Amino acid sequence: TAVMITLYAADGTPLYRNPAAREAVRNPDETLQDRVADAALFESLSQRLLAEGIATLTLPVHTARGVRWHELSARTCRDAATGADALLVSEADVTLLKESEAQASYLASHDSLTGLPNRSNVRQHFALAVRDLQSSGGQAALVVIDLDHFKNINDTLGHAMGDELLIEVSNRLRTAVRRGVVPRVEAALG
């Protein structure tokens, strides 16, 4: 089975790992705490287990293949051999699903050609920035750029050339504006 199953002692030391779990760990003595890549998520898992005796979380874990996303289900139990308190953990690798979700989220909020934030992304983040700035007495401005006669480029030179122009403009915008910094611009009309 691709599902990784491990039985841990109450102190976190592994008592048993099925073949999939043995293949996935960095070393055979790795504890569950060592395995979970995010300390806050491990703490959340521990608190849920203390409160309810069972918990399921999707979290990053250290594996022999690097950090991967696993859906981890754990429940308190007893070791069948000794009767001592134990923890039964099953894990399924959901890294491809998490990567697909991240890609879908990125595509929903960015232009596929240039990689720049799209209109809905800008609306969402600009509204948040304005709200934050209003509470601190700051100011905000939104600059809209229009490429005059862009349709003529597509019509005369083709869409591939139009795409190249858009990519070049986006690259120049990226270099002109530092990420996370909003320059203050004052314009004088003459």
C-alpha atoms as a PDB file:
ATOM      1  CA  THR A   1       0.000   0.000   0.000  1.00  0.00           C
ATOM      2  CA  ALA A   2       1.107   3.571  -0.569  1.00  0.00           C
ATOM      3  CA  VAL A   3      -0.344   4.550   2.828  1.00  0.00           C
ATOM      4  CA  MET A   4       2.405   4.921   5.415  1.00  0.00           C
ATOM      5  CA  ILE A   5       1.494   3.444   8.801  1.00  0.00           C
ATOM      6  CA  THR A   6       3.565   3.901  11.944  1.00  0.00           C
ATOM      7  CA  LEU A   7       2.952   2.927  15.546  1.00  0.00           C
ATOM      8  CA  TYR A   8       4.705   5.295  17.976  1.00  0.00           C
ATOM      9  CA  ALA A   9       5.306   4.783  21.687  1.00  0.00           C
ATOM     10  CA  ALA A  10       3.963   7.438  24.064  1.00  0.00           C
ATOM     11  CA  ASP A  11       7.425   9.087  24.088  1.00  0.00           C
ATOM     12  CA  GLY A  12       7.359   9.410  20.285  1.00  0.00           C
ATOM     13  CA  THR A  13       9.794   6.654  19.370  1.00  0.00           C
ATOM     14  CA  PRO A  14       8.660   4.466  16.491  1.00  0.00           C
ATOM     15  CA  LEU A  15       7.629   0.912  17.407  1.00  0.00           C
ATOM     16  CA  TYR A  16       6.584  -0.307  13.951  1.00  0.00           C
ATOM     17  CA  ARG A  17       6.546   1.049  10.405  1.00  0.00           C
ATOM     18  CA  ASN A  18       4.977  -0.657   7.413  1.00  0.00           C
ATOM     19  CA  PRO A  19       7.129  -0.906   4.234  1.00  0.00           C
ATOM     20  CA  ALA A  20       5.786   2.359   2.782  1.00  0.00           C
ATOM     21  CA  ALA A  21       6.577   4.220   6.015  1.00  0.00           C
ATOM     22  CA  ARG A  22      10.064   2.671   6.239  1.00  0.00           C
ATOM     23  CA  GLU A  23      10.774   3.810   2.687  1.00  0.00           C
ATOM     24  CA  ALA A  24       9.574   7.358   3.389  1.00  0.00           C
ATOM     25  CA  VAL A  25      11.543   8.235   6.539  1.00  0.00           C
ATOM     26  CA  ARG A  26      14.960   9.864   6.601  1.00  0.00           C
ATOM     27  CA  ASN A  27      16.162   7.521   9.340  1.00  0.00           C
ATOM     28  CA  PRO A  28      14.523   4.541  11.092  1.00  0.00           C
ATOM     29  CA  ASP A  29      14.539   6.160  14.567  1.00  0.00           C
ATOM     30  CA  GLU A  30      12.837   9.372  13.451  1.00  0.00           C
ATOM     31  CA  THR A  31      10.131  10.515  15.883  1.00  0.00           C
ATOM     32  CA  LEU A  32       6.840  12.026  14.793  1.00  0.00           C
ATOM     33  CA  GLN A  33       7.984  15.423  16.082  1.00  0.00           C
ATOM     34  CA  ASP A  34      11.152  15.174  13.957  1.00  0.00           C
ATOM     35  CA  ARG A  35       9.050  14.181  10.972  1.00  0.00           C
ATOM     36  CA  VAL A  36       6.619  17.122  11.016  1.00  0.00           C
ATOM     37  CA  ALA A  37       8.285  20.084   9.279  1.00  0.00           C
ATOM     38  CA  ASP A  38       6.228  22.813  10.964  1.00  0.00           C
ATOM     39  CA  ALA A  39       6.500  23.049  14.769  1.00  0.00           C
ATOM     40  CA  ALA A  40       3.235  25.003  15.099  1.00  0.00           C
ATOM     41  CA  LEU A  41       1.348  22.334  13.148  1.00  0.00           C
ATOM     42  CA  PHE A  42       2.926  19.609  15.276  1.00  0.00           C
ATOM     43  CA  GLU A  43       1.742  21.470  18.369  1.00  0.00           C
ATOM     44  CA  SER A  44      -1.760  21.715  16.871  1.00  0.00           C
ATOM     45  CA  LEU A  45      -1.725  17.980  16.168  1.00  0.00           C
ATOM     46  CA  SER A  46      -0.580  17.241  19.728  1.00  0.00           C
ATOM     47  CA  GLN A  47      -3.271  19.468  21.254  1.00  0.00           C
ATOM     48  CA  ARG A  48      -6.022  17.812  19.203  1.00  0.00           C
ATOM     49  CA  LEU A  49      -4.766  14.372  20.192  1.00  0.00           C
ATOM     50  CA  LEU A  50      -4.763  15.364  23.873  1.00  0.00           C
ATOM     51  CA  ALA A  51      -8.260  16.822  23.650  1.00  0.00           C
ATOM     52  CA  GLU A  52      -9.965  14.302  21.393  1.00  0.00           C
ATOM     53  CA  GLY A  53      -7.661  11.309  21.022  1.00  0.00           C
ATOM     54  CA  ILE A  54      -7.840  11.594  17.246  1.00  0.00           C
ATOM     55  CA  ALA A  55      -6.704  14.163  14.684  1.00  0.00           C
ATOM     56  CA  THR A  56      -6.331  14.562  10.926  1.00  0.00           C
ATOM     57  CA  LEU A  57      -4.222  17.326   9.398  1.00  0.00           C
ATOM     58  CA  THR A  58      -2.620  18.061   6.056  1.00  0.00           C
ATOM     59  CA  LEU A  59       0.882  19.251   6.805  1.00  0.00           C
ATOM     60  CA  PRO A  60       4.460  19.347   5.499  1.00  0.00           C
ATOM     61  CA  VAL A  61       6.658  16.456   6.641  1.00  0.00           C
ATOM     62  CA  HIS A  62      10.331  15.622   6.244  1.00  0.00           C
ATOM     63  CA  THR A  63      10.791  12.540   4.060  1.00  0.00           C
ATOM     64  CA  ALA A  64      13.596  10.720   2.308  1.00  0.00           C
ATOM     65  CA  ARG A  65      12.526  12.699  -0.795  1.00  0.00           C
ATOM     66  CA  GLY A  66      12.607  16.083   0.954  1.00  0.00           C
ATOM     67  CA  VAL A  67       9.676  17.996   2.427  1.00  0.00           C
ATOM     68  CA  ARG A  68       6.360  16.652   1.151  1.00  0.00           C
ATOM     69  CA  TRP A  69       2.710  17.356   1.998  1.00  0.00           C
ATOM     70  CA  HIS A  70       0.996  14.487   3.791  1.00  0.00           C
ATOM     71  CA  GLU A  71      -2.518  13.989   5.044  1.00  0.00           C
ATOM     72  CA  LEU A  72      -1.734  12.630   8.474  1.00  0.00           C
ATOM     73  CA  SER A  73      -4.334  10.841  10.596  1.00  0.00           C
ATOM     74  CA  ALA A  74      -3.418   9.937  14.154  1.00  0.00           C
ATOM     75  CA  ARG A  75      -5.243   8.335  17.046  1.00  0.00           C
ATOM     76  CA  THR A  76      -4.259   7.273  20.493  1.00  0.00           C
ATOM     77  CA  CYS A  77      -4.323   3.536  21.129  1.00  0.00           C
ATOM     78  CA  ARG A  78      -2.546   0.762  23.008  1.00  0.00           C
ATOM     79  CA  ASP A  79       0.448  -1.205  21.779  1.00  0.00           C
ATOM     80  CA  ALA A  80      -0.889  -4.715  21.162  1.00  0.00           C
ATOM     81  CA  ALA A  81       2.361  -6.320  22.316  1.00  0.00           C
ATOM     82  CA  THR A  82       2.848  -4.435  25.606  1.00  0.00           C
ATOM     83  CA  GLY A  83      -0.491  -2.753  26.357  1.00  0.00           C
ATOM     84  CA  ALA A  84       1.329   0.576  26.776  1.00  0.00           C
ATOM     85  CA  ASP A  85      -0.083   3.859  25.478  1.00  0.00           C
ATOM     86  CA  ALA A  86       0.748   4.398  21.819  1.00  0.00           C
ATOM     87  CA  LEU A  87      -0.111   6.509  18.807  1.00  0.00           C
ATOM     88  CA  LEU A  88      -1.191   5.009  15.484  1.00  0.00           C
ATOM     89  CA  VAL A  89      -0.413   7.286  12.538  1.00  0.00           C
ATOM     90  CA  SER A  90      -1.314   6.838   8.893  1.00  0.00           C
ATOM     91  CA  GLU A  91      -0.007   9.171   6.206  1.00  0.00           C
ATOM     92  CA  ALA A  92      -0.874   9.651   2.553  1.00  0.00           C
ATOM     93  CA  ASP A  93       1.292  11.799   0.285  1.00  0.00           C
ATOM     94  CA  VAL A  94      -0.882  14.595  -1.140  1.00  0.00           C
ATOM     95  CA  THR A  95       1.959  16.739  -2.506  1.00  0.00           C
ATOM     96  CA  LEU A  96       0.701  16.613  -6.103  1.00  0.00           C
ATOM     97  CA  LEU A  97      -2.744  17.754  -4.961  1.00  0.00           C
ATOM     98  CA  LYS A  98      -1.269  20.641  -2.928  1.00  0.00           C
ATOM     99  CA  GLU A  99       0.902  21.681  -5.885  1.00  0.00           C
ATOM    100  CA  SER A 100      -2.133  21.566  -8.199  1.00  0.00           C
ATOM    101  CA  GLU A 101      -4.129  23.696  -5.748  1.00  0.00           C
ATOM    102  CA  ALA A 102      -1.298  26.227  -5.548  1.00  0.00           C
ATOM    103  CA  GLN A 103      -1.000  26.336  -9.348  1.00  0.00           C
ATOM    104  CA  ALA A 104      -4.771  26.799  -9.743  1.00  0.00           C
ATOM    105  CA  SER A 105      -4.736  29.596  -7.171  1.00  0.00           C
ATOM    106  CA  TYR A 106      -1.823  31.291  -8.962  1.00  0.00           C
ATOM    107  CA  LEU A 107      -3.514  31.004 -12.367  1.00  0.00           C
ATOM    108  CA  ALA A 108      -6.741  32.428 -10.941  1.00  0.00           C
ATOM    109  CA  SER A 109      -4.921  35.526  -9.702  1.00  0.00           C
ATOM    110  CA  HIS A 110      -2.221  36.117 -12.357  1.00  0.00           C
ATOM    111  CA  ASP A 111      -2.041  36.680 -16.090  1.00  0.00           C
ATOM    112  CA  SER A 112      -0.913  33.456 -17.753  1.00  0.00           C
ATOM    113  CA  LEU A 113       1.286  35.244 -20.328  1.00  0.00           C
ATOM    114  CA  THR A 114       3.131  37.791 -18.201  1.00  0.00           C
ATOM    115  CA  GLY A 115       2.768  36.385 -14.686  1.00  0.00           C
ATOM    116  CA  LEU A 116       1.623  39.782 -13.452  1.00  0.00           C
ATOM    117  CA  PRO A 117      -1.278  39.984 -10.985  1.00  0.00           C
ATOM    118  CA  ASN A 118      -4.590  40.093 -12.829  1.00  0.00           C
ATOM    119  CA  ARG A 119      -7.483  42.492 -12.298  1.00  0.00           C
ATOM    120  CA  SER A 120      -9.189  40.493  -9.515  1.00  0.00           C
ATOM    121  CA  ASN A 121      -5.875  40.116  -7.668  1.00  0.00           C
ATOM    122  CA  VAL A 122      -5.193  43.843  -7.908  1.00  0.00           C
ATOM    123  CA  ARG A 123      -8.727  44.715  -6.761  1.00  0.00           C
ATOM    124  CA  GLN A 124      -8.420  42.454  -3.741  1.00  0.00           C
ATOM    125  CA  HIS A 125      -4.934  43.567  -2.670  1.00  0.00           C
ATOM    126  CA  PHE A 126      -5.446  47.243  -3.462  1.00  0.00           C
ATOM    127  CA  ALA A 127      -8.587  47.331  -1.334  1.00  0.00           C
ATOM    128  CA  LEU A 128      -6.654  45.758   1.560  1.00  0.00           C
ATOM    129  CA  ALA A 129      -3.762  48.193   1.098  1.00  0.00           C
ATOM    130  CA  VAL A 130      -6.131  51.179   1.075  1.00  0.00           C
ATOM    131  CA  ARG A 131      -7.829  49.962   4.259  1.00  0.00           C
ATOM    132  CA  ASP A 132      -4.450  49.491   5.982  1.00  0.00           C
ATOM    133  CA  LEU A 133      -3.234  52.887   4.812  1.00  0.00           C
ATOM    134  CA  GLN A 134      -6.438  54.635   5.941  1.00  0.00           C
ATOM    135  CA  SER A 135      -6.001  53.301   9.462  1.00  0.00           C
ATOM    136  CA  SER A 136      -2.446  54.675   9.591  1.00  0.00           C
ATOM    137  CA  GLY A 137      -3.172  57.945   7.767  1.00  0.00           C
ATOM    138  CA  GLY A 138      -1.329  56.928   4.596  1.00  0.00           C
ATOM    139  CA  GLN A 139      -2.279  57.433   0.974  1.00  0.00           C
ATOM    140  CA  ALA A 140      -2.637  55.159  -2.037  1.00  0.00           C
ATOM    141  CA  ALA A 141      -2.900  55.515  -5.773  1.00  0.00           C
ATOM    142  CA  LEU A 142      -3.676  53.071  -8.531  1.00  0.00           C
ATOM    143  CA  VAL A 143      -1.881  53.536 -11.842  1.00  0.00           C
ATOM    144  CA  VAL A 144      -3.495  52.127 -14.964  1.00  0.00           C
ATOM    145  CA  ILE A 145      -1.326  51.709 -18.046  1.00  0.00           C
ATOM    146  CA  ASP A 146      -2.811  51.497 -21.527  1.00  0.00           C
ATOM    147  CA  LEU A 147      -0.721  50.508 -24.522  1.00  0.00           C
ATOM    148  CA  ASP A 148      -1.948  52.796 -27.285  1.00  0.00           C
ATOM    149  CA  HIS A 149      -2.696  51.125 -30.604  1.00  0.00           C
ATOM    150  CA  PHE A 150      -1.818  47.663 -29.288  1.00  0.00           C
ATOM    151  CA  LYS A 151      -4.473  46.125 -31.550  1.00  0.00           C
ATOM    152  CA  ASN A 152      -2.515  47.426 -34.543  1.00  0.00           C
ATOM    153  CA  ILE A 153       0.541  45.403 -33.469  1.00  0.00           C
ATOM    154  CA  ASN A 154      -1.520  42.227 -33.230  1.00  0.00           C
ATOM    155  CA  ASP A 155      -3.209  42.940 -36.585  1.00  0.00           C
ATOM    156  CA  THR A 156      -0.068  43.842 -38.539  1.00  0.00           C
ATOM    157  CA  LEU A 157       2.725  41.856 -36.863  1.00  0.00           C
ATOM    158  CA  GLY A 158       0.705  38.962 -35.439  1.00  0.00           C
ATOM    159  CA  HIS A 159      -0.333  37.814 -31.981  1.00  0.00           C
ATOM    160  CA  ALA A 160       3.066  36.224 -31.265  1.00  0.00           C
ATOM    161  CA  MET A 161       4.724  39.639 -31.645  1.00  0.00           C
ATOM    162  CA  GLY A 162       1.980  41.207 -29.506  1.00  0.00           C
ATOM    163  CA  ASP A 163       2.678  38.596 -26.830  1.00  0.00           C
ATOM    164  CA  GLU A 164       6.397  39.390 -26.964  1.00  0.00           C
ATOM    165  CA  LEU A 165       5.641  43.081 -26.513  1.00  0.00           C
ATOM    166  CA  LEU A 166       3.414  42.386 -23.492  1.00  0.00           C
ATOM    167  CA  ILE A 167       6.098  40.193 -21.927  1.00  0.00           C
ATOM    168  CA  GLU A 168       8.741  42.893 -22.459  1.00  0.00           C
ATOM    169  CA  VAL A 169       6.485  45.587 -20.969  1.00  0.00           C
ATOM    170  CA  SER A 170       5.764  43.371 -17.944  1.00  0.00           C
ATOM    171  CA  ASN A 171       9.492  42.715 -17.442  1.00  0.00           C
ATOM    172  CA  ARG A 172      10.214  46.439 -17.542  1.00  0.00           C
ATOM    173  CA  LEU A 173       7.431  47.103 -15.022  1.00  0.00           C
ATOM    174  CA  ARG A 174       8.900  44.464 -12.696  1.00  0.00           C
ATOM    175  CA  THR A 175      12.334  46.083 -12.793  1.00  0.00           C
ATOM    176  CA  ALA A 176      10.899  49.587 -12.349  1.00  0.00           C
ATOM    177  CA  VAL A 177       8.888  48.751  -9.208  1.00  0.00           C
ATOM    178  CA  ARG A 178      10.393  46.878  -6.295  1.00  0.00           C
ATOM    179  CA  ARG A 179       8.215  44.155  -4.809  1.00  0.00           C
ATOM    180  CA  GLY A 180       6.421  45.230  -1.645  1.00  0.00           C
ATOM    181  CA  VAL A 181       7.418  48.878  -2.051  1.00  0.00           C
ATOM    182  CA  VAL A 182       4.938  51.434  -3.243  1.00  0.00           C
ATOM    183  CA  PRO A 183       6.772  54.564  -4.371  1.00  0.00           C
ATOM    184  CA  ARG A 184       5.245  57.933  -3.619  1.00  0.00           C
ATOM    185  CA  VAL A 185       4.708  59.779  -6.864  1.00  0.00           C
ATOM    186  CA  GLU A 186       3.625  63.383  -7.086  1.00  0.00           C
ATOM    187  CA  ALA A 187       2.721  64.824 -10.448  1.00  0.00           C
ATOM    188  CA  ALA A 188       2.616  68.444 -11.396  1.00  0.00           C
ATOM    189  CA  LEU A 189       0.281  69.489 -14.169  1.00  0.00           C
ATOM    190  CA  GLY A 190       1.542  72.364 -16.260  1.00  0.00           C
END
